[in-house]
Amino acid sequence: MARFDVYANTGQSKKATPFLIDVQSNVISGLATRIVIPLRNLNAFKNVEAPGDLFPIITVNGKKYLLDTPQLAAIPLTELKEKVDHASQFQSAILDSLDRVFGAY
């Protein structure tokens, strides 16, 4: 597991939230949980104007998704089974969104 790996969501919300991005530092990789941010389908947000620095658009396998940063959570490591992509090219946008959530500006 590595920071910014993208995993298929195997939970009940997988239709609206097909992917999860692991944002946890690799320094604390020995824990039984990982901190993830859900990637949601854009079609659920057609009429919503979300701040781009809080909800950046992330591309996974050529398709765009909304990073729902305020919904970040720790989940059991065992739920991250299928790695589908790596989002390191979006590192700056992901970290900016975390800064916005935690008030690091």
N, C-alpha and C. Protein backbone atom coordinates (compact mmCIF):
# COMPACT_ATOMS: atom_id res chain seq x y z
N MET A 1 0.84 -1.17 0.00
CA MET A 1 0.00 0.00 0.00
C MET A 1 0.89 1.24 0.00
N ALA A 2 0.45 2.19 -0.76
CA ALA A 2 1.21 3.43 -0.82
C ALA A 2 0.26 4.62 -0.84
N ARG A 3 0.75 5.71 -0.33
CA ARG A 3 -0.04 6.94 -0.35
C ARG A 3 -0.41 7.29 -1.78
N PHE A 4 -1.64 7.67 -1.99
CA PHE A 4 -2.24 8.07 -3.27
C PHE A 4 -2.59 6.88 -4.17
N ASP A 5 -2.51 5.66 -3.65
CA ASP A 5 -3.05 4.52 -4.39
C ASP A 5 -4.57 4.65 -4.42
N VAL A 6 -5.17 4.23 -5.52
CA VAL A 6 -6.62 4.28 -5.70
C VAL A 6 -7.15 2.85 -5.66
N TYR A 7 -8.17 2.63 -4.85
CA TYR A 7 -8.75 1.31 -4.67
C TYR A 7 -10.22 1.29 -5.06
N ALA A 8 -10.66 0.15 -5.56
CA ALA A 8 -12.09 -0.04 -5.82
C ALA A 8 -12.81 -0.06 -4.47
N ASN A 9 -13.94 0.61 -4.42
CA ASN A 9 -14.77 0.61 -3.22
C ASN A 9 -15.61 -0.66 -3.24
N THR A 10 -15.46 -1.48 -2.23
CA THR A 10 -16.21 -2.74 -2.17
C THR A 10 -17.44 -2.62 -1.26
N GLY A 11 -17.68 -1.45 -0.71
CA GLY A 11 -18.79 -1.25 0.21
C GLY A 11 -20.12 -1.02 -0.50
N GLN A 12 -21.14 -0.80 0.29
CA GLN A 12 -22.50 -0.62 -0.24
C GLN A 12 -22.65 0.63 -1.09
N SER A 13 -21.78 1.60 -0.91
CA SER A 13 -21.88 2.87 -1.65
C SER A 13 -21.09 2.87 -2.95
N LYS A 14 -20.66 1.71 -3.41
CA LYS A 14 -19.75 1.65 -4.57
C LYS A 14 -20.35 2.20 -5.86
N LYS A 15 -21.66 2.24 -5.99
CA LYS A 15 -22.24 2.79 -7.22
C LYS A 15 -21.99 4.29 -7.31
N ALA A 16 -22.24 5.02 -6.24
CA ALA A 16 -22.04 6.47 -6.21
C ALA A 16 -20.59 6.83 -5.92
N THR A 17 -19.89 5.93 -5.24
CA THR A 17 -18.51 6.15 -4.82
C THR A 17 -17.68 4.95 -5.23
N PRO A 18 -17.27 4.89 -6.50
CA PRO A 18 -16.61 3.68 -6.99
C PRO A 18 -15.17 3.49 -6.49
N PHE A 19 -14.53 4.59 -6.01
CA PHE A 19 -13.13 4.47 -5.63
C PHE A 19 -12.83 5.21 -4.33
N LEU A 20 -11.73 4.79 -3.71
CA LEU A 20 -11.20 5.42 -2.51
C LEU A 20 -9.72 5.69 -2.74
N ILE A 21 -9.25 6.88 -2.35
CA ILE A 21 -7.82 7.20 -2.45
C ILE A 21 -7.21 7.13 -1.06
N ASP A 22 -6.15 6.36 -0.95
CA ASP A 22 -5.39 6.25 0.29
C ASP A 22 -4.53 7.50 0.43
N VAL A 23 -4.77 8.27 1.50
CA VAL A 23 -4.01 9.51 1.71
C VAL A 23 -3.13 9.45 2.96
N GLN A 24 -3.06 8.30 3.57
CA GLN A 24 -2.29 8.14 4.80
C GLN A 24 -0.80 8.10 4.50
N SER A 25 -0.03 8.72 5.36
CA SER A 25 1.43 8.72 5.21
C SER A 25 1.96 7.29 5.32
N ASN A 26 2.93 6.97 4.50
CA ASN A 26 3.55 5.65 4.55
C ASN A 26 4.37 5.45 5.82
N VAL A 27 4.67 6.53 6.52
CA VAL A 27 5.44 6.44 7.76
C VAL A 27 4.68 5.65 8.82
N ILE A 28 3.34 5.71 8.77
CA ILE A 28 2.53 4.98 9.75
C ILE A 28 1.80 3.82 9.06
N SER A 29 2.50 3.09 8.25
CA SER A 29 1.88 2.02 7.47
C SER A 29 1.60 0.77 8.29
N GLY A 30 2.08 0.68 9.51
CA GLY A 30 1.87 -0.52 10.31
C GLY A 30 0.52 -0.61 10.99
N LEU A 31 -0.32 0.39 10.83
CA LEU A 31 -1.64 0.38 11.46
C LEU A 31 -2.60 -0.56 10.74
N ALA A 32 -3.67 -0.95 11.42
CA ALA A 32 -4.68 -1.84 10.84
C ALA A 32 -5.72 -1.08 10.03
N THR A 33 -5.56 0.25 9.95
CA THR A 33 -6.49 1.09 9.19
C THR A 33 -5.70 1.98 8.24
N ARG A 34 -6.40 2.52 7.25
CA ARG A 34 -5.83 3.52 6.35
C ARG A 34 -6.83 4.66 6.25
N ILE A 35 -6.31 5.87 6.10
CA ILE A 35 -7.17 7.04 5.91
C ILE A 35 -7.39 7.20 4.41
N VAL A 36 -8.64 7.26 4.02
CA VAL A 36 -9.01 7.35 2.61
C VAL A 36 -9.97 8.50 2.38
N ILE A 37 -10.02 8.94 1.12
CA ILE A 37 -11.00 9.94 0.69
C ILE A 37 -11.81 9.32 -0.44
N PRO A 38 -13.14 9.43 -0.38
CA PRO A 38 -13.97 8.86 -1.44
C PRO A 38 -13.88 9.65 -2.74
N LEU A 39 -13.91 8.93 -3.83
CA LEU A 39 -14.03 9.52 -5.17
C LEU A 39 -15.44 9.25 -5.65
N ARG A 40 -16.20 10.32 -5.87
CA ARG A 40 -17.62 10.18 -6.23
C ARG A 40 -17.83 10.47 -7.72
N ASN A 41 -18.86 9.85 -8.26
CA ASN A 41 -19.24 10.10 -9.65
C ASN A 41 -19.65 11.55 -9.83
N LEU A 42 -19.16 12.18 -10.88
CA LEU A 42 -19.49 13.59 -11.15
C LEU A 42 -20.97 13.81 -11.43
N ASN A 43 -21.63 12.84 -12.01
CA ASN A 43 -23.04 13.03 -12.37
C ASN A 43 -23.93 13.30 -11.16
N ALA A 44 -23.47 12.97 -9.97
CA ALA A 44 -24.23 13.24 -8.75
C ALA A 44 -24.11 14.70 -8.33
N PHE A 45 -23.23 15.46 -8.99
CA PHE A 45 -22.96 16.84 -8.60
C PHE A 45 -23.18 17.81 -9.76
N LYS A 46 -24.07 17.48 -10.68
CA LYS A 46 -24.31 18.31 -11.87
C LYS A 46 -24.71 19.74 -11.53
N ASN A 47 -25.57 19.90 -10.54
CA ASN A 47 -26.11 21.22 -10.22
C ASN A 47 -25.49 21.84 -8.97
N VAL A 48 -24.35 21.32 -8.58
CA VAL A 48 -23.68 21.80 -7.37
C VAL A 48 -22.39 22.48 -7.78
N GLU A 49 -22.18 23.66 -7.24
CA GLU A 49 -20.93 24.37 -7.50
C GLU A 49 -20.04 24.21 -6.27
N ALA A 50 -19.12 23.27 -6.34
CA ALA A 50 -18.25 22.96 -5.21
C ALA A 50 -16.91 23.67 -5.38
N PRO A 51 -16.33 24.19 -4.29
CA PRO A 51 -15.02 24.83 -4.38
C PRO A 51 -13.96 23.83 -4.86
N GLY A 52 -13.24 24.20 -5.90
CA GLY A 52 -12.27 23.31 -6.51
C GLY A 52 -11.11 22.93 -5.61
N ASP A 53 -10.78 23.80 -4.66
CA ASP A 53 -9.67 23.46 -3.78
C ASP A 53 -10.09 22.50 -2.67
N LEU A 54 -11.38 22.35 -2.44
CA LEU A 54 -11.90 21.41 -1.45
C LEU A 54 -12.36 20.11 -2.10
N PHE A 55 -12.85 20.23 -3.32
CA PHE A 55 -13.37 19.08 -4.07
C PHE A 55 -12.70 19.00 -5.45
N PRO A 56 -11.41 18.70 -5.51
CA PRO A 56 -10.75 18.66 -6.82
C PRO A 56 -11.26 17.48 -7.66
N ILE A 57 -11.09 17.63 -8.95
CA ILE A 57 -11.44 16.56 -9.89
C ILE A 57 -10.20 15.69 -10.10
N ILE A 58 -10.38 14.39 -9.93
CA ILE A 58 -9.30 13.42 -10.06
C ILE A 58 -9.66 12.44 -11.16
N THR A 59 -8.71 12.13 -12.01
CA THR A 59 -8.95 11.18 -13.11
C THR A 59 -8.44 9.80 -12.72
N VAL A 60 -9.29 8.80 -12.89
CA VAL A 60 -8.94 7.41 -12.63
C VAL A 60 -9.30 6.62 -13.87
N ASN A 61 -8.32 5.96 -14.43
CA ASN A 61 -8.54 5.15 -15.65
C ASN A 61 -9.25 5.94 -16.74
N GLY A 62 -8.88 7.22 -16.89
CA GLY A 62 -9.41 8.05 -17.96
C GLY A 62 -10.76 8.70 -17.69
N LYS A 63 -11.34 8.46 -16.52
CA LYS A 63 -12.64 9.04 -16.19
C LYS A 63 -12.49 9.97 -14.98
N LYS A 64 -13.26 11.08 -14.98
CA LYS A 64 -13.13 12.09 -13.93
C LYS A 64 -14.10 11.82 -12.78
N TYR A 65 -13.58 12.06 -11.56
CA TYR A 65 -14.34 11.88 -10.33
C TYR A 65 -14.10 13.06 -9.40
N LEU A 66 -15.05 13.29 -8.51
CA LEU A 66 -14.94 14.35 -7.53
C LEU A 66 -14.35 13.77 -6.24
N LEU A 67 -13.28 14.38 -5.76
CA LEU A 67 -12.67 13.98 -4.49
C LEU A 67 -13.45 14.64 -3.37
N ASP A 68 -14.17 13.85 -2.60
CA ASP A 68 -15.03 14.38 -1.53
C ASP A 68 -14.24 14.44 -0.22
N THR A 69 -13.33 15.39 -0.16
CA THR A 69 -12.38 15.50 0.94
C THR A 69 -13.03 15.59 2.32
N PRO A 70 -14.12 16.36 2.52
CA PRO A 70 -14.70 16.42 3.86
C PRO A 70 -15.20 15.07 4.37
N GLN A 71 -15.35 14.09 3.50
CA GLN A 71 -15.84 12.78 3.90
C GLN A 71 -14.70 11.77 4.16
N LEU A 72 -13.49 12.26 4.34
CA LEU A 72 -12.38 11.34 4.59
C LEU A 72 -12.65 10.53 5.85
N ALA A 73 -12.09 9.32 5.87
CA ALA A 73 -12.34 8.42 7.00
C ALA A 73 -11.23 7.40 7.10
N ALA A 74 -11.13 6.80 8.26
CA ALA A 74 -10.23 5.66 8.44
C ALA A 74 -11.06 4.39 8.27
N ILE A 75 -10.57 3.50 7.44
CA ILE A 75 -11.27 2.23 7.23
C ILE A 75 -10.29 1.08 7.47
N PRO A 76 -10.81 -0.11 7.76
CA PRO A 76 -9.92 -1.25 7.95
C PRO A 76 -9.10 -1.53 6.68
N LEU A 77 -7.87 -1.83 6.88
CA LEU A 77 -6.96 -2.15 5.79
C LEU A 77 -7.50 -3.28 4.92
N THR A 78 -8.21 -4.20 5.53
CA THR A 78 -8.75 -5.36 4.82
C THR A 78 -9.79 -4.98 3.76
N GLU A 79 -10.34 -3.76 3.83
CA GLU A 79 -11.34 -3.33 2.84
C GLU A 79 -10.71 -2.80 1.57
N LEU A 80 -9.42 -2.58 1.58
CA LEU A 80 -8.72 -2.09 0.38
C LEU A 80 -8.09 -3.28 -0.32
N LYS A 81 -8.85 -3.87 -1.22
CA LYS A 81 -8.43 -5.13 -1.84
C LYS A 81 -7.89 -4.96 -3.25
N GLU A 82 -8.57 -4.16 -4.06
CA GLU A 82 -8.21 -4.07 -5.47
C GLU A 82 -7.67 -2.68 -5.82
N LYS A 83 -6.36 -2.60 -5.96
CA LYS A 83 -5.74 -1.35 -6.40
C LYS A 83 -6.00 -1.21 -7.90
N VAL A 84 -6.53 -0.03 -8.30
CA VAL A 84 -6.88 0.18 -9.70
C VAL A 84 -6.06 1.26 -10.38
N ASP A 85 -5.41 2.11 -9.59
CA ASP A 85 -4.65 3.21 -10.19
C ASP A 85 -3.79 3.84 -9.10
N HIS A 86 -3.02 4.83 -9.49
CA HIS A 86 -2.23 5.62 -8.55
C HIS A 86 -2.43 7.08 -8.92
N ALA A 87 -2.69 7.93 -7.93
CA ALA A 87 -3.05 9.32 -8.19
C ALA A 87 -1.95 10.30 -7.78
N SER A 88 -0.71 9.88 -7.84
CA SER A 88 0.38 10.78 -7.41
C SER A 88 0.46 12.04 -8.26
N GLN A 89 -0.01 12.00 -9.51
CA GLN A 89 0.01 13.19 -10.35
C GLN A 89 -0.95 14.26 -9.84
N PHE A 90 -1.86 13.87 -8.93
CA PHE A 90 -2.81 14.81 -8.33
C PHE A 90 -2.43 15.16 -6.89
N GLN A 91 -1.21 14.84 -6.50
CA GLN A 91 -0.75 15.04 -5.13
C GLN A 91 -0.98 16.47 -4.64
N SER A 92 -0.63 17.44 -5.44
CA SER A 92 -0.78 18.84 -5.03
C SER A 92 -2.24 19.18 -4.75
N ALA A 93 -3.13 18.79 -5.63
CA ALA A 93 -4.56 19.08 -5.45
C ALA A 93 -5.12 18.35 -4.23
N ILE A 94 -4.70 17.12 -4.01
CA ILE A 94 -5.17 16.34 -2.86
C ILE A 94 -4.70 16.99 -1.56
N LEU A 95 -3.42 17.34 -1.51
CA LEU A 95 -2.88 17.96 -0.29
C LEU A 95 -3.50 19.33 -0.05
N ASP A 96 -3.76 20.09 -1.10
CA ASP A 96 -4.43 21.39 -0.95
C ASP A 96 -5.84 21.20 -0.37
N SER A 97 -6.53 20.15 -0.80
CA SER A 97 -7.88 19.91 -0.28
C SER A 97 -7.83 19.52 1.19
N LEU A 98 -6.83 18.75 1.58
CA LEU A 98 -6.66 18.41 2.99
C LEU A 98 -6.32 19.65 3.81
N ASP A 99 -5.48 20.52 3.26
CA ASP A 99 -5.17 21.77 3.94
C ASP A 99 -6.43 22.61 4.15
N ARG A 100 -7.30 22.62 3.16
CA ARG A 100 -8.54 23.38 3.27
C ARG A 100 -9.43 22.83 4.38
N VAL A 101 -9.51 21.52 4.48
CA VAL A 101 -10.32 20.89 5.52
C VAL A 101 -9.79 21.20 6.92
N PHE A 102 -8.47 21.13 7.06
CA PHE A 102 -7.85 21.28 8.37
C PHE A 102 -7.40 22.70 8.68
N GLY A 103 -7.68 23.64 7.77
CA GLY A 103 -7.38 25.05 8.03
C GLY A 103 -5.91 25.39 8.03
N ALA A 104 -5.15 24.75 7.16
CA ALA A 104 -3.71 24.98 7.12
C ALA A 104 -3.32 26.17 6.26
N TYR A 105 -4.29 26.94 5.81
CA TYR A 105 -3.98 28.09 4.96
C TYR A 105 -3.48 29.24 5.79
